[in-house]
Amino acid sequence: MATCQNEESANVTKALNVLITGATGDTGGFAVAQLLEKGHRVRALAHRKDDRSKKLEDLGAEVVVGDFLDFDAVRSAMEGMQRAYFCYPIIPGIIQATAYFAQAAKEVGVDGIVNMSQISARREAKSHSARNHWLAERVFDWSDVPNVAHIRPTYFAEWLLYMAPMIKQGVMQVPFSSGRHAPVAAEDQARVITEILENPAPHSGKIYPLYGPVEMTYEEISAEISRVIGKPIRFQSVSFDEFWEILGSASAYMPIAHVTRSMYGEFERKGQPRTGESYLAQHLRNVSIDHTNGVFAGTNDVIESIGGRPPTTVEAFVRANRQTFL
């Protein structure tokens, strides 16, 4: 009887103290919910207190406010944590933020980190953000923080939600043509993040590309959206400059928050002079080229083998968010 009880106990994951950054975003928000559902104690690092952080508190998370580029704030947020998820936005500062995060993790004894990178992260990347994500991976590797795993998702399925204003008008105008990718849902990524955080040792030093189930062109994706919502969607490949202008004109419909869906507040400074191309625009311009060149293409079984479920199809994602596109 005692042996059976010991085996049973060994199969139950002990409650962990986990720090989730990017918690008001897509992957972070789902990771918070999934970890809480599994009985873990979650601390969410938010940039400010607002309606989004209140939702996390309502779920049962402890919300602390701080900035990635404030070492004391990061160190304070890390206090008492055993595992952590690092998710830095597409803005300057990731290498400094990674160094702060890794040092804070070492000081408190964190023994597992999941680092959100991107599929285009590589030494030769033309995007400053993509190359800096690659360098940030190396900073974690050099840090000697145990059990760091890097995830590199292709384009999120959530990008379709960001383009909802134009889709509502019956058109998808994007700077993509023949390139293919398998859109990957944030909820699926969060299951991978959660599973690795619960048992990080087998994933130490690993780099995991994350994909949805089926590669598609954007023209095929627009046709799938059209079929699911029962409304014609015209696909049009446009130049990046045209696409950027379209996003700017749609910014009035974006949420007032510095997150991906609002392009990190990129269009809030209308009428103000700019010097050169912004960090985000430079990134998106170059990854649109990467997309055409096949950098975002591929599929694998990582989401199912680690996360425990097959990845979400475009059809299922659009069906779940149907009202957003109407």
Foldseek 3Di string as FASTA:
>chain_A
DVVVVVVVVVPQQDAFEEEEEPCLPQLNVLLLLVSVVSPHAYEYEDQDDDPSVVVSVVSPHHYDHDDLLPLVSLLVSCAPGQEYEADDALAPDLQNSLLSNLVSCVVRVHQAYEYEAALQQDCPFQQPRSVVSVVSLVSNVVSPRHQYEYEHEFAALCVVLLQLVVLLVQEDEEQADPFKFAHFHSNLVSLLVNLCRSPRRVRRPYYHYAGADDIDGVQVLQVLLCVLLVHHHHYDNDALVVVVVVSLVCLVVFDPALDVSNPHCPNVPPPDDDDDDHSSSSNVNRVSVVRNVHSNYDHDCSSCVRSVDHTDHSNRVCNVVVVSND
